[in-house]
């Protein structure tokens, strides 16, 4: 199965469903047709970015949404 690539905008909009619109991670993942672990990662990254953490401060936790 081919790995899917998502734009930074798609990742951010998807994570905003949870952070800003009170979706559960599970519901947001289903709505956007992505895996639960993927959505969980994007939500964590969005929250980290909003707290002003840079990717260097989040070493080992994945790629920033803006990358």
C-alpha atoms as a PDB file:
ATOM      1  CA  UNK A   1       0.000   0.000   0.000  1.00  0.00           C
ATOM      2  CA  UNK A   2       1.326   3.410  -0.966  1.00  0.00           C
ATOM      3  CA  UNK A   3       2.092   5.860   1.806  1.00  0.00           C
ATOM      4  CA  UNK A   4      -0.115   8.960   1.667  1.00  0.00           C
ATOM      5  CA  UNK A   5       1.344  12.448   1.843  1.00  0.00           C
ATOM      6  CA  UNK A   6      -0.608  15.291   3.403  1.00  0.00           C
ATOM      7  CA  UNK A   7      -0.053  19.008   2.985  1.00  0.00           C
ATOM      8  CA  UNK A   8       0.776  21.116   6.045  1.00  0.00           C
ATOM      9  CA  UNK A   9      -2.583  22.852   5.569  1.00  0.00           C
ATOM     10  CA  UNK A  10      -4.467  19.548   5.674  1.00  0.00           C
ATOM     11  CA  UNK A  11      -2.611  18.481   8.820  1.00  0.00           C
ATOM     12  CA  UNK A  12      -3.313  21.771  10.539  1.00  0.00           C
ATOM     13  CA  UNK A  13      -6.988  21.853   9.548  1.00  0.00           C
ATOM     14  CA  UNK A  14      -7.409  18.260  10.689  1.00  0.00           C
ATOM     15  CA  UNK A  15      -5.815  18.907  14.078  1.00  0.00           C
ATOM     16  CA  UNK A  16      -7.919  22.041  14.519  1.00  0.00           C
ATOM     17  CA  UNK A  17     -11.042  19.870  14.529  1.00  0.00           C
ATOM     18  CA  UNK A  18      -9.862  18.485  17.867  1.00  0.00           C
ATOM     19  CA  UNK A  19      -8.169  21.550  19.325  1.00  0.00           C
ATOM     20  CA  UNK A  20     -10.663  24.224  18.268  1.00  0.00           C
ATOM     21  CA  UNK A  21     -13.916  22.445  17.426  1.00  0.00           C
ATOM     22  CA  UNK A  22     -14.070  19.872  20.242  1.00  0.00           C
ATOM     23  CA  UNK A  23     -14.055  16.767  18.061  1.00  0.00           C
ATOM     24  CA  UNK A  24     -12.642  13.660  19.663  1.00  0.00           C
ATOM     25  CA  UNK A  25      -9.404  12.458  18.097  1.00  0.00           C
ATOM     26  CA  UNK A  26     -11.245   9.368  16.920  1.00  0.00           C
ATOM     27  CA  UNK A  27     -14.068  11.351  15.291  1.00  0.00           C
ATOM     28  CA  UNK A  28     -11.646  13.759  13.623  1.00  0.00           C
ATOM     29  CA  UNK A  29      -9.580  10.857  12.259  1.00  0.00           C
ATOM     30  CA  UNK A  30     -12.700   9.255  10.789  1.00  0.00           C
ATOM     31  CA  UNK A  31     -13.935  12.555   9.358  1.00  0.00           C
ATOM     32  CA  UNK A  32     -10.608  13.270   7.654  1.00  0.00           C
ATOM     33  CA  UNK A  33      -9.982   9.616   6.693  1.00  0.00           C
ATOM     34  CA  UNK A  34      -6.646   9.292   8.471  1.00  0.00           C
ATOM     35  CA  UNK A  35      -5.365   6.875  11.067  1.00  0.00           C
ATOM     36  CA  UNK A  36      -5.893   7.445  14.768  1.00  0.00           C
ATOM     37  CA  UNK A  37      -2.165   7.570  15.533  1.00  0.00           C
ATOM     38  CA  UNK A  38      -1.633  10.053  12.698  1.00  0.00           C
ATOM     39  CA  UNK A  39      -4.345  12.361  14.021  1.00  0.00           C
ATOM     40  CA  UNK A  40      -2.991  12.049  17.560  1.00  0.00           C
ATOM     41  CA  UNK A  41       0.448  13.125  16.324  1.00  0.00           C
ATOM     42  CA  UNK A  42      -0.933  16.113  14.407  1.00  0.00           C
ATOM     43  CA  UNK A  43      -2.967  17.279  17.422  1.00  0.00           C
ATOM     44  CA  UNK A  44       0.090  17.024  19.688  1.00  0.00           C
ATOM     45  CA  UNK A  45       2.177  18.944  17.151  1.00  0.00           C
ATOM     46  CA  UNK A  46      -0.421  21.702  16.783  1.00  0.00           C
ATOM     47  CA  UNK A  47      -0.661  22.104  20.559  1.00  0.00           C
ATOM     48  CA  UNK A  48       3.139  22.212  20.836  1.00  0.00           C
ATOM     49  CA  UNK A  49       3.360  24.835  18.091  1.00  0.00           C
ATOM     50  CA  UNK A  50       0.697  26.973  19.743  1.00  0.00           C
ATOM     51  CA  UNK A  51       2.688  26.859  22.973  1.00  0.00           C
ATOM     52  CA  UNK A  52       5.636  28.295  21.076  1.00  0.00           C
ATOM     53  CA  UNK A  53       7.728  25.148  21.032  1.00  0.00           C
ATOM     54  CA  UNK A  54      10.031  24.848  18.060  1.00  0.00           C
ATOM     55  CA  UNK A  55      10.765  21.550  16.325  1.00  0.00           C
ATOM     56  CA  UNK A  56      14.198  21.529  17.983  1.00  0.00           C
ATOM     57  CA  UNK A  57      12.479  21.513  21.382  1.00  0.00           C
ATOM     58  CA  UNK A  58      10.373  18.552  20.329  1.00  0.00           C
ATOM     59  CA  UNK A  59      13.185  16.262  19.189  1.00  0.00           C
ATOM     60  CA  UNK A  60      12.036  12.696  18.808  1.00  0.00           C
ATOM     61  CA  UNK A  61       8.359  13.609  18.552  1.00  0.00           C
ATOM     62  CA  UNK A  62       7.939  13.815  14.782  1.00  0.00           C
ATOM     63  CA  UNK A  63       7.939  16.526  12.150  1.00  0.00           C
ATOM     64  CA  UNK A  64       6.366  19.921  12.722  1.00  0.00           C
ATOM     65  CA  UNK A  65       3.093  20.605  10.922  1.00  0.00           C
ATOM     66  CA  UNK A  66       4.742  23.397   8.975  1.00  0.00           C
ATOM     67  CA  UNK A  67       7.461  21.145   7.541  1.00  0.00           C
END
